[in-house]
Amino acid sequence: MKGIGLVFFASAAFYGLAGMCLGLWMGGQQDFTLAPVHAHLNLLGFVTMALVGFFYHLTPAAAGRLAKVHFGMATLGLWLMIPGIGLAVTGRGEAMAIVGSLVTVASMALFVVNLGLSLRPSRRRDVVAHSAA
């Protein structure tokens, strides 16, 4: 694995480790207030980033500039949403979680657009021609 697929996959591993450490800490404290943070960190940070990384690895036609923008948006959304959820569940405001959620949804919409573009026959031919050269 290389390129943007690896970048997504490596960040997924980091988020997975962070989510597990948070889960262990919550269990040790017997305080599960931050369970929504733990869940979102694992599902969006680990699972989604890993699946998207795998997709970009398997679909070189989609692994261009839009994929890099997607990574930036997904990362920004996650970095805003995760602490934002923590602030929201502890009663310190929801604004950061809302902004992070909107950026995350926008990044997923960009992924859907990129996925659709990668299915176009002209892009697939370009990749096949590039791979054969």
Protein backbone atom coordinates (compact mmCIF):
# COMPACT_ATOMS: atom_id res chain seq x y z
CA MET A 1 0.00 0.00 0.00
CA LYS A 2 1.22 3.49 -0.82
CA GLY A 3 0.01 6.99 -1.53
CA ILE A 4 -3.23 8.41 -0.17
CA GLY A 5 -4.54 4.94 0.67
CA LEU A 6 -1.63 4.47 3.07
CA VAL A 7 -2.16 7.94 4.55
CA PHE A 8 -5.80 7.11 5.31
CA PHE A 9 -4.84 3.67 6.65
CA ALA A 10 -2.03 4.99 8.89
CA SER A 11 -4.26 7.66 10.36
CA ALA A 12 -6.91 5.00 10.96
CA ALA A 13 -4.41 3.00 13.00
CA PHE A 14 -3.63 6.07 15.10
CA TYR A 15 -7.33 6.79 15.69
CA GLY A 16 -7.98 3.14 16.52
CA LEU A 17 -5.24 3.18 19.13
CA ALA A 18 -6.54 6.45 20.57
CA GLY A 19 -10.10 5.05 20.71
CA MET A 20 -8.91 1.90 22.49
CA CYS A 21 -6.89 3.91 25.00
CA LEU A 22 -9.93 6.09 25.71
CA GLY A 23 -12.05 2.96 26.19
CA LEU A 24 -9.51 1.49 28.60
CA TRP A 25 -9.36 4.74 30.54
CA MET A 26 -13.16 4.94 30.79
CA GLY A 27 -13.34 1.34 31.95
CA GLY A 28 -10.65 1.91 34.56
CA GLN A 29 -12.48 4.98 35.86
CA GLN A 30 -15.91 3.33 35.59
CA ASP A 31 -17.03 6.64 34.06
CA PHE A 32 -18.57 6.22 30.63
CA THR A 33 -19.61 9.82 30.07
CA LEU A 34 -17.32 9.99 27.05
CA ALA A 35 -18.73 6.83 25.43
CA PRO A 36 -20.06 8.84 22.45
CA VAL A 37 -16.54 10.22 21.91
CA HIS A 38 -15.12 6.69 22.07
CA ALA A 39 -17.74 5.41 19.60
CA HIS A 40 -17.22 8.20 17.07
CA LEU A 41 -13.45 7.99 17.33
CA ASN A 42 -13.56 4.26 16.62
CA LEU A 43 -16.23 4.34 13.89
CA LEU A 44 -15.24 7.48 12.03
CA GLY A 45 -11.58 7.56 12.94
CA PHE A 46 -10.65 3.90 12.70
CA VAL A 47 -13.28 2.07 10.66
CA THR A 48 -14.22 4.75 8.12
CA MET A 49 -10.66 5.97 7.53
CA ALA A 50 -9.41 2.38 7.10
CA LEU A 51 -12.19 1.46 4.67
CA VAL A 52 -11.64 4.61 2.64
CA GLY A 53 -7.88 3.96 2.61
CA PHE A 54 -8.54 0.46 1.34
CA PHE A 55 -10.87 1.84 -1.35
CA TYR A 56 -8.25 4.34 -2.56
CA HIS A 57 -5.63 1.59 -2.60
CA LEU A 58 -7.87 -0.63 -4.74
CA THR A 59 -9.13 2.20 -6.97
CA PRO A 60 -6.20 4.21 -8.30
CA ALA A 61 -8.56 6.21 -10.55
CA ALA A 62 -9.98 7.83 -7.41
CA ALA A 63 -6.67 8.37 -5.58
CA GLY A 64 -5.85 11.79 -7.01
CA ARG A 65 -6.35 15.36 -5.93
CA LEU A 66 -9.95 14.87 -4.72
CA ALA A 67 -8.76 12.07 -2.44
CA LYS A 68 -6.19 14.41 -0.87
CA VAL A 69 -8.84 17.07 -0.31
CA HIS A 70 -11.08 14.36 1.11
CA PHE A 71 -8.35 13.36 3.57
CA GLY A 72 -7.87 16.96 4.70
CA MET A 73 -11.59 17.50 5.20
CA ALA A 74 -12.11 14.16 6.95
CA THR A 75 -9.20 14.85 9.28
CA LEU A 76 -10.35 18.39 10.08
CA GLY A 77 -13.90 17.16 10.68
CA LEU A 78 -12.68 14.43 13.01
CA TRP A 79 -10.36 16.78 14.90
CA LEU A 80 -13.26 19.15 15.47
CA MET A 81 -16.00 16.60 16.08
CA ILE A 82 -14.25 14.34 18.61
CA PRO A 83 -13.35 17.02 21.18
CA GLY A 84 -16.60 18.79 20.30
CA ILE A 85 -18.63 15.76 21.32
CA GLY A 86 -16.62 15.63 24.54
CA LEU A 87 -17.50 19.26 25.22
CA ALA A 88 -21.16 18.66 24.35
CA VAL A 89 -21.64 15.61 26.60
CA THR A 90 -20.02 17.43 29.52
CA GLY A 91 -22.28 20.45 29.08
CA ARG A 92 -19.70 22.89 27.70
CA GLY A 93 -21.29 23.68 24.35
CA GLU A 94 -22.15 21.98 21.09
CA ALA A 95 -20.74 24.39 18.51
CA MET A 96 -17.48 22.50 17.91
CA ALA A 97 -19.32 19.19 17.52
CA ILE A 98 -21.75 20.75 15.05
CA VAL A 99 -19.02 22.31 12.92
CA GLY A 100 -17.00 19.07 13.01
CA SER A 101 -20.06 17.07 12.02
CA LEU A 102 -20.79 19.36 9.08
CA VAL A 103 -17.19 19.16 7.84
CA THR A 104 -17.29 15.36 8.23
CA VAL A 105 -20.53 15.10 6.24
CA ALA A 106 -19.04 17.36 3.56
CA SER A 107 -15.97 15.11 3.38
CA MET A 108 -18.19 12.06 2.92
CA ALA A 109 -20.12 13.88 0.18
CA LEU A 110 -16.80 14.59 -1.54
CA PHE A 111 -15.95 10.89 -1.26
CA VAL A 112 -19.27 9.99 -2.90
CA VAL A 113 -18.53 12.43 -5.74
CA ASN A 114 -15.04 10.97 -6.14
CA LEU A 115 -16.48 7.46 -6.13
CA GLY A 116 -18.94 8.41 -8.85
CA LEU A 117 -16.20 10.02 -10.93
CA SER A 118 -14.03 6.93 -10.59
CA LEU A 119 -16.82 4.81 -12.08
CA ARG A 120 -16.87 6.83 -15.30
CA PRO A 121 -15.49 4.77 -18.19
CA SER A 122 -13.10 7.53 -19.34
CA ARG A 123 -11.32 7.60 -15.96
CA ARG A 124 -11.08 3.81 -15.84
CA ARG A 125 -9.51 3.75 -19.34
CA ASP A 126 -6.97 6.39 -18.26
CA VAL A 127 -5.92 4.26 -15.30
CA VAL A 128 -5.68 1.10 -17.40
CA ALA A 129 -3.60 2.96 -20.01
CA HIS A 130 -1.40 4.47 -17.29
CA SER A 131 -0.95 1.07 -15.61
CA ALA A 132 0.03 -0.58 -18.90
CA ALA A 133 2.66 2.07 -19.69
